[in-house]
N, C-alpha and C. Protein backbone atom coordinates (compact mmCIF):
# COMPACT_ATOMS: atom_id res chain seq x y z
N MET A 1 -10.26 12.41 -2.97
CA MET A 1 -9.81 11.03 -3.03
C MET A 1 -10.03 10.33 -1.70
N ALA A 2 -10.36 9.09 -1.76
CA ALA A 2 -10.52 8.26 -0.57
C ALA A 2 -9.23 7.49 -0.32
N ARG A 3 -9.08 7.04 0.90
CA ARG A 3 -7.94 6.19 1.26
C ARG A 3 -8.44 4.76 1.47
N PHE A 4 -7.62 3.83 1.03
CA PHE A 4 -7.92 2.41 1.18
C PHE A 4 -6.72 1.71 1.78
N ILE A 5 -6.97 0.89 2.78
CA ILE A 5 -5.93 0.00 3.29
C ILE A 5 -6.19 -1.36 2.68
N ILE A 6 -5.13 -1.98 2.24
CA ILE A 6 -5.24 -3.33 1.69
C ILE A 6 -4.46 -4.28 2.58
N GLN A 7 -5.15 -5.26 3.13
CA GLN A 7 -4.50 -6.34 3.87
C GLN A 7 -4.17 -7.42 2.86
N HIS A 8 -2.90 -7.62 2.63
CA HIS A 8 -2.44 -8.61 1.66
C HIS A 8 -2.01 -9.88 2.39
N THR A 9 -2.39 -11.02 1.85
CA THR A 9 -1.83 -12.30 2.30
C THR A 9 -1.28 -13.02 1.07
N TYR A 10 -0.25 -13.80 1.30
CA TYR A 10 0.49 -14.42 0.20
C TYR A 10 -0.20 -15.68 -0.31
N LYS A 11 -0.28 -15.81 -1.62
CA LYS A 11 -0.78 -17.05 -2.23
C LYS A 11 0.35 -18.05 -2.42
N GLN A 12 1.55 -17.54 -2.76
CA GLN A 12 2.66 -18.42 -3.13
C GLN A 12 3.88 -18.25 -2.22
N GLY A 13 3.74 -17.57 -1.13
CA GLY A 13 4.86 -17.31 -0.25
C GLY A 13 5.44 -15.93 -0.49
N PRO A 14 6.00 -15.34 0.53
CA PRO A 14 6.48 -13.97 0.43
C PRO A 14 7.65 -13.79 -0.53
N GLU A 15 8.49 -14.79 -0.67
CA GLU A 15 9.66 -14.66 -1.53
C GLU A 15 9.26 -14.36 -2.97
N VAL A 16 8.23 -15.03 -3.46
CA VAL A 16 7.78 -14.84 -4.85
C VAL A 16 7.32 -13.40 -5.05
N PHE A 17 6.50 -12.90 -4.14
CA PHE A 17 5.99 -11.55 -4.29
C PHE A 17 7.08 -10.51 -4.20
N TRP A 18 7.90 -10.55 -3.14
CA TRP A 18 8.90 -9.50 -2.94
C TRP A 18 9.98 -9.52 -4.02
N LYS A 19 10.27 -10.68 -4.58
CA LYS A 19 11.21 -10.74 -5.71
C LYS A 19 10.61 -10.02 -6.92
N SER A 20 9.33 -10.23 -7.19
CA SER A 20 8.69 -9.57 -8.34
C SER A 20 8.63 -8.06 -8.13
N MET A 21 8.38 -7.62 -6.90
CA MET A 21 8.34 -6.17 -6.63
C MET A 21 9.73 -5.56 -6.75
N GLN A 22 10.74 -6.26 -6.25
CA GLN A 22 12.11 -5.76 -6.36
C GLN A 22 12.51 -5.65 -7.83
N ASP A 23 12.15 -6.64 -8.62
CA ASP A 23 12.45 -6.59 -10.06
C ASP A 23 11.77 -5.40 -10.71
N LEU A 24 10.53 -5.13 -10.33
CA LEU A 24 9.78 -4.03 -10.93
C LEU A 24 10.38 -2.67 -10.57
N VAL A 25 10.61 -2.42 -9.29
CA VAL A 25 11.09 -1.10 -8.89
C VAL A 25 12.54 -0.86 -9.27
N SER A 26 13.28 -1.91 -9.54
CA SER A 26 14.67 -1.73 -9.96
C SER A 26 14.77 -1.50 -11.47
N ASN A 27 13.62 -1.50 -12.16
CA ASN A 27 13.61 -1.30 -13.61
C ASN A 27 12.64 -0.17 -13.95
N PRO A 28 13.09 1.09 -13.84
CA PRO A 28 12.19 2.22 -14.10
C PRO A 28 11.57 2.21 -15.50
N ALA A 29 12.27 1.68 -16.47
CA ALA A 29 11.72 1.63 -17.83
C ALA A 29 10.48 0.75 -17.88
N ALA A 30 10.45 -0.30 -17.10
CA ALA A 30 9.28 -1.18 -17.06
C ALA A 30 8.21 -0.63 -16.12
N ALA A 31 8.63 0.03 -15.04
CA ALA A 31 7.68 0.53 -14.04
C ALA A 31 6.93 1.77 -14.50
N ALA A 32 7.57 2.64 -15.27
CA ALA A 32 6.95 3.91 -15.67
C ALA A 32 5.63 3.72 -16.43
N PRO A 33 5.58 2.84 -17.44
CA PRO A 33 4.29 2.65 -18.13
C PRO A 33 3.18 2.13 -17.21
N LEU A 34 3.55 1.28 -16.26
CA LEU A 34 2.56 0.78 -15.31
C LEU A 34 2.06 1.91 -14.41
N ALA A 35 2.97 2.77 -13.99
CA ALA A 35 2.58 3.93 -13.17
C ALA A 35 1.63 4.83 -13.95
N ASP A 36 1.92 5.05 -15.22
CA ASP A 36 1.04 5.85 -16.07
C ASP A 36 -0.36 5.24 -16.15
N GLU A 37 -0.42 3.92 -16.29
CA GLU A 37 -1.71 3.23 -16.38
C GLU A 37 -2.47 3.31 -15.06
N MET A 38 -1.76 3.20 -13.94
CA MET A 38 -2.43 3.31 -12.64
C MET A 38 -3.03 4.70 -12.47
N ILE A 39 -2.31 5.71 -12.92
CA ILE A 39 -2.82 7.08 -12.84
C ILE A 39 -4.08 7.22 -13.70
N LYS A 40 -4.07 6.62 -14.89
CA LYS A 40 -5.26 6.65 -15.75
C LYS A 40 -6.44 5.92 -15.08
N ILE A 41 -6.15 4.81 -14.41
CA ILE A 41 -7.20 4.07 -13.70
C ILE A 41 -7.76 4.91 -12.56
N GLY A 42 -6.90 5.71 -11.95
CA GLY A 42 -7.34 6.56 -10.85
C GLY A 42 -6.98 6.02 -9.47
N ALA A 43 -6.02 5.11 -9.41
CA ALA A 43 -5.60 4.54 -8.13
C ALA A 43 -4.08 4.61 -8.02
N THR A 44 -3.62 5.14 -6.90
CA THR A 44 -2.17 5.25 -6.71
C THR A 44 -1.78 4.74 -5.32
N PRO A 45 -0.69 3.97 -5.27
CA PRO A 45 -0.20 3.52 -3.97
C PRO A 45 0.46 4.68 -3.23
N ILE A 46 0.25 4.73 -1.92
CA ILE A 46 0.81 5.79 -1.08
C ILE A 46 1.97 5.26 -0.26
N VAL A 47 1.75 4.14 0.43
CA VAL A 47 2.79 3.56 1.29
C VAL A 47 2.55 2.07 1.44
N THR A 48 3.64 1.34 1.58
CA THR A 48 3.59 -0.09 1.89
C THR A 48 4.31 -0.31 3.21
N TYR A 49 3.68 -1.06 4.09
CA TYR A 49 4.30 -1.44 5.35
C TYR A 49 4.80 -2.87 5.22
N ASN A 50 6.11 -2.99 4.98
CA ASN A 50 6.73 -4.28 4.70
C ASN A 50 7.27 -4.89 5.98
N ASN A 51 6.51 -5.80 6.56
CA ASN A 51 6.97 -6.48 7.77
C ASN A 51 7.72 -7.77 7.46
N TYR A 52 7.77 -8.17 6.20
CA TYR A 52 8.50 -9.38 5.80
C TYR A 52 9.98 -9.26 6.16
N VAL A 53 10.54 -8.06 6.01
CA VAL A 53 11.96 -7.86 6.33
C VAL A 53 12.21 -7.99 7.83
N HIS A 54 11.14 -8.05 8.62
CA HIS A 54 11.26 -8.23 10.07
C HIS A 54 10.75 -9.59 10.52
N GLY A 55 10.65 -10.51 9.57
CA GLY A 55 10.34 -11.89 9.91
C GLY A 55 8.89 -12.32 9.77
N ARG A 56 7.99 -11.42 9.40
CA ARG A 56 6.59 -11.82 9.24
C ARG A 56 6.40 -12.43 7.86
N THR A 57 5.75 -13.55 7.80
CA THR A 57 5.53 -14.23 6.52
C THR A 57 4.07 -14.47 6.21
N ASP A 58 3.16 -13.85 6.99
CA ASP A 58 1.73 -14.07 6.78
C ASP A 58 1.09 -13.01 5.91
N GLY A 59 1.69 -11.83 5.79
CA GLY A 59 1.11 -10.79 4.96
C GLY A 59 1.66 -9.42 5.32
N PHE A 60 1.09 -8.40 4.70
CA PHE A 60 1.50 -7.02 4.94
C PHE A 60 0.36 -6.12 4.50
N CYS A 61 0.53 -4.81 4.64
CA CYS A 61 -0.54 -3.92 4.20
C CYS A 61 0.01 -2.71 3.45
N CYS A 62 -0.86 -2.13 2.65
CA CYS A 62 -0.55 -0.95 1.85
C CYS A 62 -1.69 0.06 2.00
N VAL A 63 -1.36 1.31 1.71
CA VAL A 63 -2.36 2.37 1.66
C VAL A 63 -2.37 2.90 0.23
N TRP A 64 -3.58 3.02 -0.32
CA TRP A 64 -3.77 3.55 -1.68
C TRP A 64 -4.76 4.70 -1.64
N GLU A 65 -4.69 5.55 -2.65
CA GLU A 65 -5.70 6.58 -2.86
C GLU A 65 -6.45 6.29 -4.16
N ALA A 66 -7.77 6.43 -4.12
CA ALA A 66 -8.63 6.23 -5.27
C ALA A 66 -10.01 6.74 -4.90
N GLU A 67 -10.88 6.83 -5.88
CA GLU A 67 -12.28 7.17 -5.60
C GLU A 67 -13.07 5.94 -5.16
N THR A 68 -12.73 4.77 -5.74
CA THR A 68 -13.49 3.55 -5.46
C THR A 68 -12.56 2.36 -5.25
N ALA A 69 -13.07 1.36 -4.56
CA ALA A 69 -12.32 0.11 -4.39
C ALA A 69 -12.11 -0.59 -5.73
N GLU A 70 -13.03 -0.40 -6.65
CA GLU A 70 -12.90 -1.02 -7.97
C GLU A 70 -11.67 -0.49 -8.70
N GLN A 71 -11.36 0.79 -8.53
CA GLN A 71 -10.15 1.35 -9.15
C GLN A 71 -8.90 0.70 -8.56
N VAL A 72 -8.90 0.50 -7.27
CA VAL A 72 -7.76 -0.16 -6.62
C VAL A 72 -7.63 -1.58 -7.16
N THR A 73 -8.73 -2.30 -7.24
CA THR A 73 -8.72 -3.66 -7.77
C THR A 73 -8.15 -3.69 -9.19
N ALA A 74 -8.57 -2.74 -10.02
CA ALA A 74 -8.08 -2.69 -11.41
C ALA A 74 -6.57 -2.44 -11.44
N ALA A 75 -6.07 -1.58 -10.57
CA ALA A 75 -4.63 -1.32 -10.52
C ALA A 75 -3.87 -2.55 -10.05
N LEU A 76 -4.41 -3.27 -9.07
CA LEU A 76 -3.76 -4.49 -8.60
C LEU A 76 -3.70 -5.53 -9.71
N ARG A 77 -4.77 -5.64 -10.49
CA ARG A 77 -4.77 -6.57 -11.64
C ARG A 77 -3.73 -6.16 -12.67
N LEU A 78 -3.65 -4.86 -12.94
CA LEU A 78 -2.67 -4.34 -13.90
C LEU A 78 -1.25 -4.75 -13.49
N LEU A 79 -0.96 -4.65 -12.21
CA LEU A 79 0.36 -5.00 -11.70
C LEU A 79 0.58 -6.50 -11.56
N GLY A 80 -0.48 -7.28 -11.71
CA GLY A 80 -0.38 -8.72 -11.54
C GLY A 80 -0.36 -9.16 -10.09
N ILE A 81 -0.66 -8.23 -9.20
CA ILE A 81 -0.62 -8.52 -7.77
C ILE A 81 -1.69 -9.53 -7.38
N ASP A 82 -2.79 -9.54 -8.10
CA ASP A 82 -3.85 -10.49 -7.80
C ASP A 82 -3.42 -11.93 -8.07
N GLN A 83 -2.31 -12.13 -8.80
CA GLN A 83 -1.81 -13.47 -9.06
C GLN A 83 -1.01 -14.04 -7.89
N THR A 84 -0.39 -13.16 -7.09
CA THR A 84 0.48 -13.63 -6.02
C THR A 84 -0.05 -13.31 -4.62
N LEU A 85 -1.09 -12.46 -4.54
CA LEU A 85 -1.62 -12.05 -3.24
C LEU A 85 -3.13 -12.12 -3.19
N ASN A 86 -3.66 -12.41 -2.01
CA ASN A 86 -5.07 -12.17 -1.71
C ASN A 86 -5.14 -10.74 -1.20
N ASN A 87 -6.17 -10.00 -1.59
CA ASN A 87 -6.25 -8.58 -1.28
C ASN A 87 -7.58 -8.22 -0.65
N ASP A 88 -7.54 -7.86 0.61
CA ASP A 88 -8.72 -7.41 1.34
C ASP A 88 -8.68 -5.88 1.34
N ILE A 89 -9.47 -5.27 0.46
CA ILE A 89 -9.46 -3.81 0.27
C ILE A 89 -10.53 -3.18 1.16
N GLN A 90 -10.10 -2.23 2.00
CA GLN A 90 -11.00 -1.60 2.96
C GLN A 90 -10.88 -0.08 2.86
N ARG A 91 -12.00 0.58 2.63
CA ARG A 91 -12.00 2.04 2.66
C ARG A 91 -11.88 2.49 4.11
N VAL A 92 -11.04 3.50 4.35
CA VAL A 92 -10.78 3.94 5.72
C VAL A 92 -10.80 5.46 5.82
N ASP A 93 -11.10 5.94 7.01
CA ASP A 93 -10.90 7.33 7.36
C ASP A 93 -9.59 7.39 8.13
N GLU A 94 -8.99 8.54 8.11
CA GLU A 94 -7.67 8.70 8.72
C GLU A 94 -7.74 9.69 9.87
N PHE A 95 -7.08 9.36 10.96
CA PHE A 95 -6.94 10.26 12.09
C PHE A 95 -5.46 10.46 12.33
N GLN A 96 -5.00 11.68 12.32
CA GLN A 96 -3.60 12.00 12.55
C GLN A 96 -3.35 12.21 14.03
N TRP A 97 -2.59 11.34 14.65
CA TRP A 97 -2.31 11.42 16.08
C TRP A 97 -1.25 12.47 16.41
N ALA A 98 -0.35 12.76 15.50
CA ALA A 98 0.78 13.65 15.80
C ALA A 98 0.34 15.01 16.36
N PRO A 99 -0.60 15.73 15.72
CA PRO A 99 -1.00 17.02 16.29
C PRO A 99 -1.59 16.91 17.70
N PHE A 100 -2.37 15.89 17.93
CA PHE A 100 -2.96 15.66 19.25
C PHE A 100 -1.87 15.43 20.30
N MET A 101 -0.92 14.56 19.97
CA MET A 101 0.15 14.25 20.91
C MET A 101 1.05 15.45 21.15
N GLU A 102 1.35 16.21 20.10
CA GLU A 102 2.17 17.40 20.26
C GLU A 102 1.49 18.41 21.19
N ALA A 103 0.21 18.63 21.01
CA ALA A 103 -0.54 19.57 21.86
C ALA A 103 -0.56 19.06 23.30
N LEU A 104 -0.76 17.79 23.48
CA LEU A 104 -0.79 17.20 24.83
C LEU A 104 0.55 17.35 25.52
N LEU A 105 1.62 17.06 24.81
CA LEU A 105 2.96 17.16 25.40
C LEU A 105 3.31 18.62 25.70
N LYS A 106 2.92 19.53 24.83
CA LYS A 106 3.18 20.96 25.05
C LYS A 106 2.44 21.45 26.28
N GLU A 107 1.20 20.99 26.45
CA GLU A 107 0.38 21.37 27.60
C GLU A 107 0.99 20.89 28.89
N ARG A 108 1.61 19.72 28.86
CA ARG A 108 2.15 19.11 30.08
C ARG A 108 3.60 19.50 30.36
N SER A 109 4.26 20.12 29.41
CA SER A 109 5.67 20.47 29.64
C SER A 109 5.78 21.65 30.58
N PRO A 110 6.83 21.63 31.42
CA PRO A 110 6.99 22.76 32.36
C PRO A 110 7.29 24.06 31.63
N ALA A 111 6.80 25.15 32.15
CA ALA A 111 6.97 26.47 31.51
C ALA A 111 8.34 27.04 31.77
């Protein structure tokens, strides 16, 4: 699976989007069929970085896994996200800093 970062910007303001997401995740009966469809499409969300709760109103980003950007686009359409957000989908490689930093700190710590 590939990783994709999506830079989202709001079409109608952040309140509209975050209210719709809150409604969705607070209703597992409605969310479960959508999750099943996303799995069938082959795209799954991994993490959302929500900076709106910290005062940012210009956008936010998410990380998804899929084979292609088209699968991510199809999942966003299924969720109706394309109606409230502009979505800049970018395939990315990932570098994990934690192991590097841990090794560096261990090397520099007194024995």
